[in-house]
Amino acid sequence: MAIYYTTLNKIWENSPCTLGWSKLLKSLGKTKADDEPLSLKTILESNGLDDALWALRTVDDIDKDARLFAVRCARKVQHLMKDERLLKTLDVAVAYARGEATDEELLAAWDAARDAAWDAARDAA
């Protein structure tokens, strides 16, 4: 299992919520941001899952792992996806993370998924 690191400065640059920021600083015994490596595990233990997931945006070079994790989560409910465009988007997201799809292919897949979501919303209304 990979352990991901960020820093308080990176978190601060992304405008954290006041409550979560104060809680994290207090748990670390700090009063201001610094560049000391800070694991997401520490954030999870201090602030909980929501803040740890939010902090993922501050981790360098996490795009591939985050994208693959998101697809794994989506695959858990893929049986609920009735539109082939949604399934295709998952396939393209995996291919993109592996360097096997272009930015254009990813954008086209996301556009198709958005259209599928709008169609489903319209049908439900």
C-alpha atoms as a PDB file:
ATOM      1  CA  MET A   1       0.000   0.000   0.000  1.00  0.00           C
ATOM      2  CA  ALA A   2       1.387   3.357  -1.023  1.00  0.00           C
ATOM      3  CA  ILE A   3       1.698   6.114   1.538  1.00  0.00           C
ATOM      4  CA  TYR A   4       1.216   9.578   0.120  1.00  0.00           C
ATOM      5  CA  TYR A   5       2.731  12.764   1.453  1.00  0.00           C
ATOM      6  CA  THR A   6       1.963  16.444   1.221  1.00  0.00           C
ATOM      7  CA  THR A   7       2.994  19.465   3.288  1.00  0.00           C
ATOM      8  CA  LEU A   8       1.132  22.046   5.299  1.00  0.00           C
ATOM      9  CA  ASN A   9       2.229  24.693   2.792  1.00  0.00           C
ATOM     10  CA  LYS A  10       0.642  22.736  -0.067  1.00  0.00           C
ATOM     11  CA  ILE A  11      -2.550  22.316   1.923  1.00  0.00           C
ATOM     12  CA  TRP A  12      -2.605  26.034   2.770  1.00  0.00           C
ATOM     13  CA  GLU A  13      -2.122  26.961  -0.914  1.00  0.00           C
ATOM     14  CA  ASN A  14      -5.352  25.067  -1.703  1.00  0.00           C
ATOM     15  CA  SER A  15      -7.478  27.093   0.746  1.00  0.00           C
ATOM     16  CA  PRO A  16      -8.516  24.493   3.319  1.00  0.00           C
ATOM     17  CA  CYS A  17     -11.606  25.041   5.442  1.00  0.00           C
ATOM     18  CA  THR A  18     -10.904  26.935   8.642  1.00  0.00           C
ATOM     19  CA  LEU A  19     -12.155  24.203  10.955  1.00  0.00           C
ATOM     20  CA  GLY A  20     -10.172  21.401   9.307  1.00  0.00           C
ATOM     21  CA  TRP A  21      -7.037  23.542   9.105  1.00  0.00           C
ATOM     22  CA  SER A  22      -7.215  24.456  12.802  1.00  0.00           C
ATOM     23  CA  LYS A  23      -7.839  20.842  13.783  1.00  0.00           C
ATOM     24  CA  LEU A  24      -4.861  19.625  11.761  1.00  0.00           C
ATOM     25  CA  LEU A  25      -2.483  22.263  13.120  1.00  0.00           C
ATOM     26  CA  LYS A  26      -3.575  21.508  16.681  1.00  0.00           C
ATOM     27  CA  SER A  27      -3.073  17.760  16.224  1.00  0.00           C
ATOM     28  CA  LEU A  28       0.434  18.400  14.887  1.00  0.00           C
ATOM     29  CA  GLY A  29       1.259  20.883  17.650  1.00  0.00           C
ATOM     30  CA  LYS A  30       1.937  23.600  15.071  1.00  0.00           C
ATOM     31  CA  THR A  31       0.749  27.154  14.588  1.00  0.00           C
ATOM     32  CA  LYS A  32       1.627  27.713  10.934  1.00  0.00           C
ATOM     33  CA  ALA A  33       2.345  25.959   7.654  1.00  0.00           C
ATOM     34  CA  ASP A  34       5.729  24.474   6.781  1.00  0.00           C
ATOM     35  CA  ASP A  35       7.332  22.148   4.241  1.00  0.00           C
ATOM     36  CA  GLU A  36       7.782  19.131   6.505  1.00  0.00           C
ATOM     37  CA  PRO A  37       6.435  15.972   4.809  1.00  0.00           C
ATOM     38  CA  LEU A  38       2.981  15.099   6.122  1.00  0.00           C
ATOM     39  CA  SER A  39       1.377  11.751   5.348  1.00  0.00           C
ATOM     40  CA  LEU A  40      -2.252  11.446   4.345  1.00  0.00           C
ATOM     41  CA  LYS A  41      -2.449   8.751   7.011  1.00  0.00           C
ATOM     42  CA  THR A  42      -1.674  11.409   9.626  1.00  0.00           C
ATOM     43  CA  ILE A  43      -4.371  13.665   8.177  1.00  0.00           C
ATOM     44  CA  LEU A  44      -6.817  10.742   8.199  1.00  0.00           C
ATOM     45  CA  GLU A  45      -6.063   9.987  11.842  1.00  0.00           C
ATOM     46  CA  SER A  46      -6.318  13.645  12.845  1.00  0.00           C
ATOM     47  CA  ASN A  47      -9.165  14.985  10.736  1.00  0.00           C
ATOM     48  CA  GLY A  48     -11.010  12.017   9.294  1.00  0.00           C
ATOM     49  CA  LEU A  49     -11.760  10.684   5.845  1.00  0.00           C
ATOM     50  CA  ASP A  50     -13.304  13.795   4.275  1.00  0.00           C
ATOM     51  CA  ASP A  51     -10.273  15.961   4.972  1.00  0.00           C
ATOM     52  CA  ALA A  52      -7.838  13.205   3.973  1.00  0.00           C
ATOM     53  CA  LEU A  53      -9.619  12.782   0.636  1.00  0.00           C
ATOM     54  CA  TRP A  54      -9.689  16.543   0.142  1.00  0.00           C
ATOM     55  CA  ALA A  55      -5.936  16.665   0.819  1.00  0.00           C
ATOM     56  CA  LEU A  56      -5.283  14.271  -2.083  1.00  0.00           C
ATOM     57  CA  ARG A  57      -5.361  17.327  -4.355  1.00  0.00           C
ATOM     58  CA  THR A  58      -2.161  18.535  -2.688  1.00  0.00           C
ATOM     59  CA  VAL A  59      -0.129  15.368  -3.309  1.00  0.00           C
ATOM     60  CA  ASP A  60       2.330  15.572  -6.194  1.00  0.00           C
ATOM     61  CA  ASP A  61       2.069  13.015  -9.008  1.00  0.00           C
ATOM     62  CA  ILE A  62      -1.040  11.293  -7.688  1.00  0.00           C
ATOM     63  CA  ASP A  63      -3.184  11.654 -10.798  1.00  0.00           C
ATOM     64  CA  LYS A  64      -2.655   8.097 -12.045  1.00  0.00           C
ATOM     65  CA  ASP A  65      -3.304   6.427  -8.686  1.00  0.00           C
ATOM     66  CA  ALA A  66      -6.288   8.658  -7.925  1.00  0.00           C
ATOM     67  CA  ARG A  67      -7.815   8.014 -11.339  1.00  0.00           C
ATOM     68  CA  LEU A  68      -7.390   4.241 -11.011  1.00  0.00           C
ATOM     69  CA  PHE A  69      -8.864   4.314  -7.496  1.00  0.00           C
ATOM     70  CA  ALA A  70     -11.873   6.295  -8.717  1.00  0.00           C
ATOM     71  CA  VAL A  71     -12.466   3.765 -11.487  1.00  0.00           C
ATOM     72  CA  ARG A  72     -12.196   0.872  -9.003  1.00  0.00           C
ATOM     73  CA  CYS A  73     -14.871   2.568  -6.879  1.00  0.00           C
ATOM     74  CA  ALA A  74     -17.100   3.132  -9.895  1.00  0.00           C
ATOM     75  CA  ARG A  75     -16.705  -0.506 -10.964  1.00  0.00           C
ATOM     76  CA  LYS A  76     -18.307  -1.528  -7.651  1.00  0.00           C
ATOM     77  CA  VAL A  77     -21.576   0.009  -8.853  1.00  0.00           C
ATOM     78  CA  GLN A  78     -21.162  -0.481 -12.575  1.00  0.00           C
ATOM     79  CA  HIS A  79     -24.114  -2.909 -12.559  1.00  0.00           C
ATOM     80  CA  LEU A  80     -26.274   0.177 -12.006  1.00  0.00           C
ATOM     81  CA  MET A  81     -24.899   1.867 -15.128  1.00  0.00           C
ATOM     82  CA  LYS A  82     -27.353   1.201 -17.937  1.00  0.00           C
ATOM     83  CA  ASP A  83     -25.716   3.471 -20.510  1.00  0.00           C
ATOM     84  CA  GLU A  84     -22.746   2.098 -22.466  1.00  0.00           C
ATOM     85  CA  ARG A  85     -21.232   5.594 -22.602  1.00  0.00           C
ATOM     86  CA  LEU A  86     -20.591   5.405 -18.862  1.00  0.00           C
ATOM     87  CA  LEU A  87     -18.837   2.058 -19.111  1.00  0.00           C
ATOM     88  CA  LYS A  88     -16.750   3.333 -22.025  1.00  0.00           C
ATOM     89  CA  THR A  89     -15.699   6.321 -19.902  1.00  0.00           C
ATOM     90  CA  LEU A  90     -14.371   3.979 -17.209  1.00  0.00           C
ATOM     91  CA  ASP A  91     -12.361   2.061 -19.817  1.00  0.00           C
ATOM     92  CA  VAL A  92     -10.920   5.277 -21.249  1.00  0.00           C
ATOM     93  CA  ALA A  93     -10.044   6.588 -17.771  1.00  0.00           C
ATOM     94  CA  VAL A  94      -8.014   3.440 -17.076  1.00  0.00           C
ATOM     95  CA  ALA A  95      -6.322   3.632 -20.469  1.00  0.00           C
ATOM     96  CA  TYR A  96      -5.493   7.316 -19.876  1.00  0.00           C
ATOM     97  CA  ALA A  97      -3.976   6.569 -16.466  1.00  0.00           C
ATOM     98  CA  ARG A  98      -1.783   3.941 -18.112  1.00  0.00           C
ATOM     99  CA  GLY A  99      -0.717   6.304 -20.889  1.00  0.00           C
ATOM    100  CA  GLU A 100      -2.748   4.419 -23.493  1.00  0.00           C
ATOM    101  CA  ALA A 101      -5.315   7.143 -24.290  1.00  0.00           C
ATOM    102  CA  THR A 102      -4.890  10.765 -25.323  1.00  0.00           C
ATOM    103  CA  ASP A 103      -6.199  13.923 -23.675  1.00  0.00           C
ATOM    104  CA  GLU A 104      -8.667  14.198 -26.537  1.00  0.00           C
ATOM    105  CA  GLU A 105      -9.971  10.665 -26.001  1.00  0.00           C
ATOM    106  CA  LEU A 106     -10.400  11.349 -22.289  1.00  0.00           C
ATOM    107  CA  LEU A 107     -12.233  14.599 -22.965  1.00  0.00           C
ATOM    108  CA  ALA A 108     -14.525  12.892 -25.475  1.00  0.00           C
ATOM    109  CA  ALA A 109     -15.302  10.140 -22.960  1.00  0.00           C
ATOM    110  CA  TRP A 110     -16.096  12.669 -20.231  1.00  0.00           C
ATOM    111  CA  ASP A 111     -18.328  14.592 -22.628  1.00  0.00           C
ATOM    112  CA  ALA A 112     -20.176  11.375 -23.458  1.00  0.00           C
ATOM    113  CA  ALA A 113     -20.550  10.532 -19.760  1.00  0.00           C
ATOM    114  CA  ARG A 114     -21.919  14.005 -19.052  1.00  0.00           C
ATOM    115  CA  ASP A 115     -24.408  13.597 -21.881  1.00  0.00           C
ATOM    116  CA  ALA A 116     -25.436  10.193 -20.485  1.00  0.00           C
ATOM    117  CA  ALA A 117     -25.978  11.736 -17.049  1.00  0.00           C
ATOM    118  CA  TRP A 118     -28.112  14.524 -18.513  1.00  0.00           C
ATOM    119  CA  ASP A 119     -30.125  11.995 -20.521  1.00  0.00           C
ATOM    120  CA  ALA A 120     -30.734   9.913 -17.384  1.00  0.00           C
ATOM    121  CA  ALA A 121     -31.765  12.992 -15.410  1.00  0.00           C
ATOM    122  CA  ARG A 122     -34.151  14.077 -18.149  1.00  0.00           C
ATOM    123  CA  ASP A 123     -35.643  10.574 -18.363  1.00  0.00           C
ATOM    124  CA  ALA A 124     -36.105  10.472 -14.592  1.00  0.00           C
ATOM    125  CA  ALA A 125     -37.908  13.836 -14.594  1.00  0.00           C
END
